[in-house]
């Protein structure tokens, strides 16, 4: 099995997060995606954290897709745990 990278992005708006997750998954850029509601300090609505697992070579493409969405996502990457 190849190496995987976990990419996490915080998105405002449930619909924005769902549409972005669907687009990334449909494009074959992620092996799995989890969407979870997270507290958003100083915001009236919660934020949504996307956790995407992608083959390591595709991580830059995923990060670029997140940036291109224009949603001001906070993006964090790390090596995915081996047991995923």
PDB file of N, CA and C in Angstrom:
ATOM      1  N   UNK A   1       0.853  -1.170   0.000  1.00  0.00           N
ATOM      2  CA  UNK A   1       0.000   0.000   0.000  1.00  0.00           C
ATOM      3  C   UNK A   1       0.901   1.236   0.000  1.00  0.00           C
ATOM      4  N   UNK A   2       0.523   2.237  -0.811  1.00  0.00           N
ATOM      5  CA  UNK A   2       1.285   3.478  -0.889  1.00  0.00           C
ATOM      6  C   UNK A   2       1.042   4.365   0.311  1.00  0.00           C
ATOM      7  N   UNK A   3       1.810   5.436   0.367  1.00  0.00           N
ATOM      8  CA  UNK A   3       1.656   6.381   1.463  1.00  0.00           C
ATOM      9  C   UNK A   3       0.465   7.299   1.206  1.00  0.00           C
ATOM     10  N   UNK A   4      -0.216   7.642   2.274  1.00  0.00           N
ATOM     11  CA  UNK A   4      -1.373   8.519   2.190  1.00  0.00           C
ATOM     12  C   UNK A   4      -1.137   9.767   3.027  1.00  0.00           C
ATOM     13  N   UNK A   5      -1.799  10.834   2.649  1.00  0.00           N
ATOM     14  CA  UNK A   5      -1.754  12.087   3.387  1.00  0.00           C
ATOM     15  C   UNK A   5      -3.161  12.437   3.815  1.00  0.00           C
ATOM     16  N   UNK A   6      -3.272  12.946   5.027  1.00  0.00           N
ATOM     17  CA  UNK A   6      -4.551  13.425   5.533  1.00  0.00           C
ATOM     18  C   UNK A   6      -4.568  14.938   5.360  1.00  0.00           C
ATOM     19  N   UNK A   7      -5.599  15.436   4.719  1.00  0.00           N
ATOM     20  CA  UNK A   7      -5.761  16.871   4.515  1.00  0.00           C
ATOM     21  C   UNK A   7      -7.026  17.282   5.256  1.00  0.00           C
ATOM     22  N   UNK A   8      -6.891  18.261   6.137  1.00  0.00           N
ATOM     23  CA  UNK A   8      -8.055  18.768   6.872  1.00  0.00           C
ATOM     24  C   UNK A   8      -8.297  20.215   6.477  1.00  0.00           C
ATOM     25  N   UNK A   9      -9.557  20.533   6.258  1.00  0.00           N
ATOM     26  CA  UNK A   9      -9.930  21.900   5.896  1.00  0.00           C
ATOM     27  C   UNK A   9     -11.178  22.288   6.671  1.00  0.00           C
ATOM     28  N   UNK A  10     -11.182  23.487   7.203  1.00  0.00           N
ATOM     29  CA  UNK A  10     -12.347  24.017   7.907  1.00  0.00           C
ATOM     30  C   UNK A  10     -13.091  24.936   6.953  1.00  0.00           C
ATOM     31  N   UNK A  11     -14.373  24.652   6.762  1.00  0.00           N
ATOM     32  CA  UNK A  11     -15.221  25.361   5.802  1.00  0.00           C
ATOM     33  C   UNK A  11     -16.426  25.917   6.539  1.00  0.00           C
ATOM     34  N   UNK A  12     -16.838  27.120   6.193  1.00  0.00           N
ATOM     35  CA  UNK A  12     -18.060  27.680   6.763  1.00  0.00           C
ATOM     36  C   UNK A  12     -19.227  27.379   5.848  1.00  0.00           C
ATOM     37  N   UNK A  13     -20.293  26.887   6.416  1.00  0.00           N
ATOM     38  CA  UNK A  13     -21.498  26.558   5.678  1.00  0.00           C
ATOM     39  C   UNK A  13     -21.557  25.079   5.338  1.00  0.00           C
ATOM     40  N   UNK A  14     -22.572  24.392   5.868  1.00  0.00           N
ATOM     41  CA  UNK A  14     -22.716  22.953   5.640  1.00  0.00           C
ATOM     42  C   UNK A  14     -22.834  22.634   4.158  1.00  0.00           C
ATOM     43  N   UNK A  15     -23.612  23.419   3.428  1.00  0.00           N
ATOM     44  CA  UNK A  15     -23.793  23.176   1.998  1.00  0.00           C
ATOM     45  C   UNK A  15     -22.472  23.352   1.248  1.00  0.00           C
ATOM     46  N   UNK A  16     -21.705  24.379   1.601  1.00  0.00           N
ATOM     47  CA  UNK A  16     -20.387  24.586   0.980  1.00  0.00           C
ATOM     48  C   UNK A  16     -19.489  23.372   1.214  1.00  0.00           C
ATOM     49  N   UNK A  17     -19.472  22.892   2.444  1.00  0.00           N
ATOM     50  CA  UNK A  17     -18.616  21.751   2.786  1.00  0.00           C
ATOM     51  C   UNK A  17     -19.056  20.499   2.035  1.00  0.00           C
ATOM     52  N   UNK A  18     -20.358  20.256   1.983  1.00  0.00           N
ATOM     53  CA  UNK A  18     -20.864  19.062   1.301  1.00  0.00           C
ATOM     54  C   UNK A  18     -20.582  19.108  -0.193  1.00  0.00           C
ATOM     55  N   UNK A  19     -20.793  20.257  -0.822  1.00  0.00           N
ATOM     56  CA  UNK A  19     -20.542  20.388  -2.255  1.00  0.00           C
ATOM     57  C   UNK A  19     -19.058  20.213  -2.576  1.00  0.00           C
ATOM     58  N   UNK A  20     -18.196  20.789  -1.755  1.00  0.00           N
ATOM     59  CA  UNK A  20     -16.762  20.671  -1.977  1.00  0.00           C
ATOM     60  C   UNK A  20     -16.303  19.226  -1.784  1.00  0.00           C
ATOM     61  N   UNK A  21     -16.794  18.569  -0.751  1.00  0.00           N
ATOM     62  CA  UNK A  21     -16.445  17.170  -0.507  1.00  0.00           C
ATOM     63  C   UNK A  21     -16.887  16.305  -1.683  1.00  0.00           C
ATOM     64  N   UNK A  22     -18.093  16.525  -2.172  1.00  0.00           N
ATOM     65  CA  UNK A  22     -18.610  15.758  -3.303  1.00  0.00           C
ATOM     66  C   UNK A  22     -17.749  15.966  -4.551  1.00  0.00           C
ATOM     67  N   UNK A  23     -17.369  17.210  -4.820  1.00  0.00           N
ATOM     68  CA  UNK A  23     -16.554  17.519  -6.000  1.00  0.00           C
ATOM     69  C   UNK A  23     -15.184  16.842  -5.922  1.00  0.00           C
ATOM     70  N   UNK A  24     -14.571  16.865  -4.748  1.00  0.00           N
ATOM     71  CA  UNK A  24     -13.253  16.256  -4.579  1.00  0.00           C
ATOM     72  C   UNK A  24     -13.341  14.734  -4.710  1.00  0.00           C
ATOM     73  N   UNK A  25     -14.350  14.145  -4.101  1.00  0.00           N
ATOM     74  CA  UNK A  25     -14.526  12.697  -4.179  1.00  0.00           C
ATOM     75  C   UNK A  25     -14.860  12.273  -5.613  1.00  0.00           C
ATOM     76  N   UNK A  26     -15.731  13.017  -6.275  1.00  0.00           N
ATOM     77  CA  UNK A  26     -16.105  12.703  -7.660  1.00  0.00           C
ATOM     78  C   UNK A  26     -14.922  12.806  -8.614  1.00  0.00           C
ATOM     79  N   UNK A  27     -13.994  13.698  -8.315  1.00  0.00           N
ATOM     80  CA  UNK A  27     -12.802  13.874  -9.157  1.00  0.00           C
ATOM     81  C   UNK A  27     -11.754  12.794  -8.884  1.00  0.00           C
ATOM     82  N   UNK A  28     -12.010  11.931  -7.905  1.00  0.00           N
ATOM     83  CA  UNK A  28     -11.065  10.868  -7.580  1.00  0.00           C
ATOM     84  C   UNK A  28      -9.826  11.348  -6.853  1.00  0.00           C
ATOM     85  N   UNK A  29      -9.941  12.499  -6.186  1.00  0.00           N
ATOM     86  CA  UNK A  29      -8.778  13.064  -5.498  1.00  0.00           C
ATOM     87  C   UNK A  29      -8.647  12.601  -4.053  1.00  0.00           C
ATOM     88  N   UNK A  30      -9.647  11.912  -3.528  1.00  0.00           N
ATOM     89  CA  UNK A  30      -9.576  11.443  -2.145  1.00  0.00           C
ATOM     90  C   UNK A  30     -10.113  10.025  -2.053  1.00  0.00           C
ATOM     91  N   UNK A  31      -9.483   9.221  -1.203  1.00  0.00           N
ATOM     92  CA  UNK A  31      -9.934   7.858  -0.969  1.00  0.00           C
ATOM     93  C   UNK A  31     -11.110   7.840   0.010  1.00  0.00           C
ATOM     94  N   UNK A  32     -11.137   8.817   0.915  1.00  0.00           N
ATOM     95  CA  UNK A  32     -12.244   8.941   1.860  1.00  0.00           C
ATOM     96  C   UNK A  32     -12.354  10.381   2.330  1.00  0.00           C
ATOM     97  N   UNK A  33     -13.566  10.738   2.732  1.00  0.00           N
ATOM     98  CA  UNK A  33     -13.811  12.089   3.257  1.00  0.00           C
ATOM     99  C   UNK A  33     -14.762  11.966   4.436  1.00  0.00           C
ATOM    100  N   UNK A  34     -14.432  12.664   5.506  1.00  0.00           N
ATOM    101  CA  UNK A  34     -15.303  12.746   6.678  1.00  0.00           C
ATOM    102  C   UNK A  34     -15.668  14.213   6.869  1.00  0.00           C
ATOM    103  N   UNK A  35     -16.934  14.484   7.178  1.00  0.00           N
ATOM    104  CA  UNK A  35     -17.379  15.850   7.446  1.00  0.00           C
ATOM    105  C   UNK A  35     -17.891  15.886   8.880  1.00  0.00           C
ATOM    106  N   UNK A  36     -17.351  16.805   9.674  1.00  0.00           N
ATOM    107  CA  UNK A  36     -17.769  16.925  11.072  1.00  0.00           C
ATOM    108  C   UNK A  36     -17.993  18.391  11.427  1.00  0.00           C
ATOM    109  N   UNK A  37     -19.036  18.625  12.196  1.00  0.00           N
ATOM    110  CA  UNK A  37     -19.317  19.977  12.687  1.00  0.00           C
ATOM    111  C   UNK A  37     -18.312  20.315  13.785  1.00  0.00           C
ATOM    112  N   UNK A  38     -17.753  21.519  13.722  1.00  0.00           N
ATOM    113  CA  UNK A  38     -16.792  21.962  14.730  1.00  0.00           C
ATOM    114  C   UNK A  38     -17.185  23.360  15.206  1.00  0.00           C
ATOM    115  N   UNK A  39     -16.878  23.693  16.450  1.00  0.00           N
ATOM    116  CA  UNK A  39     -17.202  25.025  16.941  1.00  0.00           C
ATOM    117  C   UNK A  39     -16.417  26.087  16.168  1.00  0.00           C
ATOM    118  N   UNK A  40     -17.041  27.201  15.954  1.00  0.00           N
ATOM    119  CA  UNK A  40     -16.387  28.320  15.273  1.00  0.00           C
ATOM    120  C   UNK A  40     -16.454  29.535  16.194  1.00  0.00           C
ATOM    121  N   UNK A  41     -15.353  29.818  16.887  1.00  0.00           N
ATOM    122  CA  UNK A  41     -15.353  30.966  17.798  1.00  0.00           C
ATOM    123  C   UNK A  41     -15.730  32.255  17.068  1.00  0.00           C
ATOM    124  N   UNK A  42     -16.525  33.054  17.726  1.00  0.00           N
ATOM    125  CA  UNK A  42     -16.925  34.371  17.214  1.00  0.00           C
ATOM    126  C   UNK A  42     -17.765  34.287  15.942  1.00  0.00           C
ATOM    127  N   UNK A  43     -18.418  33.152  15.707  1.00  0.00           N
ATOM    128  CA  UNK A  43     -19.291  32.976  14.544  1.00  0.00           C
ATOM    129  C   UNK A  43     -20.666  32.549  15.039  1.00  0.00           C
ATOM    130  N   UNK A  44     -21.694  32.974  14.318  1.00  0.00           N
ATOM    131  CA  UNK A  44     -23.053  32.578  14.682  1.00  0.00           C
ATOM    132  C   UNK A  44     -23.358  31.144  14.290  1.00  0.00           C
ATOM    133  N   UNK A  45     -22.717  30.661  13.226  1.00  0.00           N
ATOM    134  CA  UNK A  45     -22.960  29.309  12.745  1.00  0.00           C
ATOM    135  C   UNK A  45     -21.702  28.463  12.933  1.00  0.00           C
ATOM    136  N   UNK A  46     -21.886  27.141  13.061  1.00  0.00           N
ATOM    137  CA  UNK A  46     -20.709  26.278  13.212  1.00  0.00           C
ATOM    138  C   UNK A  46     -19.931  26.186  11.902  1.00  0.00           C
ATOM    139  N   UNK A  47     -18.720  25.738  12.016  1.00  0.00           N
ATOM    140  CA  UNK A  47     -17.903  25.454  10.834  1.00  0.00           C
ATOM    141  C   UNK A  47     -17.948  23.943  10.617  1.00  0.00           C
ATOM    142  N   UNK A  48     -17.433  23.528   9.474  1.00  0.00           N
ATOM    143  CA  UNK A  48     -17.413  22.105   9.136  1.00  0.00           C
ATOM    144  C   UNK A  48     -15.998  21.728   8.765  1.00  0.00           C
ATOM    145  N   UNK A  49     -15.494  20.674   9.385  1.00  0.00           N
ATOM    146  CA  UNK A  49     -14.147  20.219   9.090  1.00  0.00           C
ATOM    147  C   UNK A  49     -14.223  19.025   8.144  1.00  0.00           C
ATOM    148  N   UNK A  50     -13.567  19.166   6.999  1.00  0.00           N
ATOM    149  CA  UNK A  50     -13.430  18.061   6.059  1.00  0.00           C
ATOM    150  C   UNK A  50     -12.107  17.378   6.368  1.00  0.00           C
ATOM    151  N   UNK A  51     -12.125  16.077   6.532  1.00  0.00           N
ATOM    152  CA  UNK A  51     -10.909  15.300   6.692  1.00  0.00           C
ATOM    153  C   UNK A  51     -10.843  14.371   5.494  1.00  0.00           C
ATOM    154  N   UNK A  52      -9.862  14.618   4.631  1.00  0.00           N
ATOM    155  CA  UNK A  52      -9.722  13.867   3.390  1.00  0.00           C
ATOM    156  C   UNK A  52      -8.463  13.017   3.454  1.00  0.00           C
ATOM    157  N   UNK A  53      -8.548  11.775   3.043  1.00  0.00           N
ATOM    158  CA  UNK A  53      -7.384  10.910   2.946  1.00  0.00           C
ATOM    159  C   UNK A  53      -7.124  10.698   1.461  1.00  0.00           C
ATOM    160  N   UNK A  54      -5.910  11.028   1.050  1.00  0.00           N
ATOM    161  CA  UNK A  54      -5.554  10.982  -0.364  1.00  0.00           C
ATOM    162  C   UNK A  54      -4.168  10.375  -0.533  1.00  0.00           C
ATOM    163  N   UNK A  55      -3.905   9.721  -1.661  1.00  0.00           N
ATOM    164  CA  UNK A  55      -2.530   9.269  -1.895  1.00  0.00           C
ATOM    165  C   UNK A  55      -1.594  10.476  -1.812  1.00  0.00           C
ATOM    166  N   UNK A  56      -0.451  10.306  -1.186  1.00  0.00           N
ATOM    167  CA  UNK A  56       0.477  11.417  -0.948  1.00  0.00           C
ATOM    168  C   UNK A  56       0.766  12.250  -2.197  1.00  0.00           C
ATOM    169  N   UNK A  57       0.959  11.642  -3.371  1.00  0.00           N
ATOM    170  CA  UNK A  57       1.239  12.470  -4.554  1.00  0.00           C
ATOM    171  C   UNK A  57       0.077  13.381  -4.970  1.00  0.00           C
ATOM    172  N   UNK A  58      -1.138  13.048  -4.543  1.00  0.00           N
ATOM    173  CA  UNK A  58      -2.298  13.862  -4.907  1.00  0.00           C
ATOM    174  C   UNK A  58      -2.599  14.966  -3.901  1.00  0.00           C
ATOM    175  N   UNK A  59      -1.917  14.984  -2.766  1.00  0.00           N
ATOM    176  CA  UNK A  59      -2.191  15.986  -1.731  1.00  0.00           C
ATOM    177  C   UNK A  59      -2.089  17.417  -2.257  1.00  0.00           C
ATOM    178  N   UNK A  60      -1.070  17.767  -3.066  1.00  0.00           N
ATOM    179  CA  UNK A  60      -1.025  19.135  -3.585  1.00  0.00           C
ATOM    180  C   UNK A  60      -2.241  19.483  -4.450  1.00  0.00           C
ATOM    181  N   UNK A  61      -2.764  18.507  -5.209  1.00  0.00           N
ATOM    182  CA  UNK A  61      -3.961  18.748  -6.027  1.00  0.00           C
ATOM    183  C   UNK A  61      -5.189  18.997  -5.153  1.00  0.00           C
ATOM    184  N   UNK A  62      -5.291  18.229  -4.070  1.00  0.00           N
ATOM    185  CA  UNK A  62      -6.413  18.417  -3.141  1.00  0.00           C
ATOM    186  C   UNK A  62      -6.337  19.801  -2.504  1.00  0.00           C
ATOM    187  N   UNK A  63      -5.149  20.184  -2.053  1.00  0.00           N
ATOM    188  CA  UNK A  63      -4.988  21.501  -1.427  1.00  0.00           C
ATOM    189  C   UNK A  63      -5.309  22.612  -2.421  1.00  0.00           C
ATOM    190  N   UNK A  64      -4.897  22.456  -3.658  1.00  0.00           N
ATOM    191  CA  UNK A  64      -5.201  23.465  -4.677  1.00  0.00           C
ATOM    192  C   UNK A  64      -6.699  23.544  -4.934  1.00  0.00           C
ATOM    193  N   UNK A  65      -7.377  22.399  -4.980  1.00  0.00           N
ATOM    194  CA  UNK A  65      -8.833  22.387  -5.183  1.00  0.00           C
ATOM    195  C   UNK A  65      -9.526  23.108  -4.034  1.00  0.00           C
ATOM    196  N   UNK A  66      -9.050  22.899  -2.813  1.00  0.00           N
ATOM    197  CA  UNK A  66      -9.627  23.578  -1.652  1.00  0.00           C
ATOM    198  C   UNK A  66      -9.419  25.092  -1.755  1.00  0.00           C
ATOM    199  N   UNK A  67      -8.232  25.511  -2.177  1.00  0.00           N
ATOM    200  CA  UNK A  67      -7.957  26.949  -2.334  1.00  0.00           C
ATOM    201  C   UNK A  67      -8.826  27.553  -3.439  1.00  0.00           C
ATOM    202  N   UNK A  68      -8.945  26.838  -4.561  1.00  0.00           N
ATOM    203  CA  UNK A  68      -9.718  27.331  -5.701  1.00  0.00           C
ATOM    204  C   UNK A  68     -11.199  27.488  -5.380  1.00  0.00           C
ATOM    205  N   UNK A  69     -11.678  26.770  -4.398  1.00  0.00           N
ATOM    206  CA  UNK A  69     -13.094  26.864  -4.030  1.00  0.00           C
ATOM    207  C   UNK A  69     -13.444  28.263  -3.529  1.00  0.00           C
ATOM    208  N   UNK A  70     -12.424  29.019  -3.110  1.00  0.00           N
ATOM    209  CA  UNK A  70     -12.651  30.393  -2.683  1.00  0.00           C
ATOM    210  C   UNK A  70     -13.460  30.527  -1.412  1.00  0.00           C
ATOM    211  N   UNK A  71     -13.390  29.535  -0.550  1.00  0.00           N
ATOM    212  CA  UNK A  71     -14.164  29.567   0.695  1.00  0.00           C
ATOM    213  C   UNK A  71     -13.312  29.963   1.891  1.00  0.00           C
ATOM    214  N   UNK A  72     -12.070  30.351   1.647  1.00  0.00           N
ATOM    215  CA  UNK A  72     -11.193  30.766   2.735  1.00  0.00           C
ATOM    216  C   UNK A  72     -10.884  29.650   3.706  1.00  0.00           C
ATOM    217  N   UNK A  73     -10.781  28.434   3.207  1.00  0.00           N
ATOM    218  CA  UNK A  73     -10.555  27.277   4.064  1.00  0.00           C
ATOM    219  C   UNK A  73      -9.197  27.344   4.748  1.00  0.00           C
ATOM    220  N   UNK A  74      -9.177  26.940   6.013  1.00  0.00           N
ATOM    221  CA  UNK A  74      -7.930  26.732   6.730  1.00  0.00           C
ATOM    222  C   UNK A  74      -7.522  25.299   6.421  1.00  0.00           C
ATOM    223  N   UNK A  75      -6.331  25.113   5.853  1.00  0.00           N
ATOM    224  CA  UNK A  75      -5.910  23.782   5.388  1.00  0.00           C
ATOM    225  C   UNK A  75      -4.705  23.302   6.201  1.00  0.00           C
ATOM    226  N   UNK A  76      -4.790  22.044   6.668  1.00  0.00           N
ATOM    227  CA  UNK A  76      -3.712  21.416   7.424  1.00  0.00           C
ATOM    228  C   UNK A  76      -3.465  20.044   6.804  1.00  0.00           C
ATOM    229  N   UNK A  77      -2.199  19.664   6.634  1.00  0.00           N
ATOM    230  CA  UNK A  77      -1.882  18.332   6.122  1.00  0.00           C
ATOM    231  C   UNK A  77      -0.957  17.605   7.082  1.00  0.00           C
ATOM    232  N   UNK A  78      -1.059  16.271   7.069  1.00  0.00           N
ATOM    233  CA  UNK A  78      -0.162  15.434   7.849  1.00  0.00           C
ATOM    234  C   UNK A  78      -0.189  14.040   7.247  1.00  0.00           C
ATOM    235  N   UNK A  79       0.771  13.198   7.621  1.00  0.00           N
ATOM    236  CA  UNK A  79       0.761  11.808   7.166  1.00  0.00           C
ATOM    237  C   UNK A  79      -0.447  11.116   7.755  1.00  0.00           C
ATOM    238  N   UNK A  80      -1.142  10.348   6.933  1.00  0.00           N
ATOM    239  CA  UNK A  80      -2.297   9.596   7.427  1.00  0.00           C
ATOM    240  C   UNK A  80      -1.809   8.418   8.252  1.00  0.00           C
ATOM    241  N   UNK A  81      -2.554   8.059   9.292  1.00  0.00           N
ATOM    242  CA  UNK A  81      -2.174   6.901  10.086  1.00  0.00           C
ATOM    243  C   UNK A  81      -2.150   5.643   9.203  1.00  0.00           C
ATOM    244  N   UNK A  82      -1.241   4.750   9.476  1.00  0.00           N
ATOM    245  CA  UNK A  82      -1.074   3.543   8.658  1.00  0.00           C
ATOM    246  C   UNK A  82      -2.267   2.608   8.715  1.00  0.00           C
ATOM    247  N   UNK A  83      -3.090   2.693   9.755  1.00  0.00           N
ATOM    248  CA  UNK A  83      -4.222   1.762   9.899  1.00  0.00           C
ATOM    249  C   UNK A  83      -5.473   2.184   9.156  1.00  0.00           C
ATOM    250  N   UNK A  84      -5.428   3.222   8.358  1.00  0.00           N
ATOM    251  CA  UNK A  84      -6.618   3.687   7.620  1.00  0.00           C
ATOM    252  C   UNK A  84      -6.851   2.892   6.393  1.00  0.00           C
TER     253      UNK A  84
END
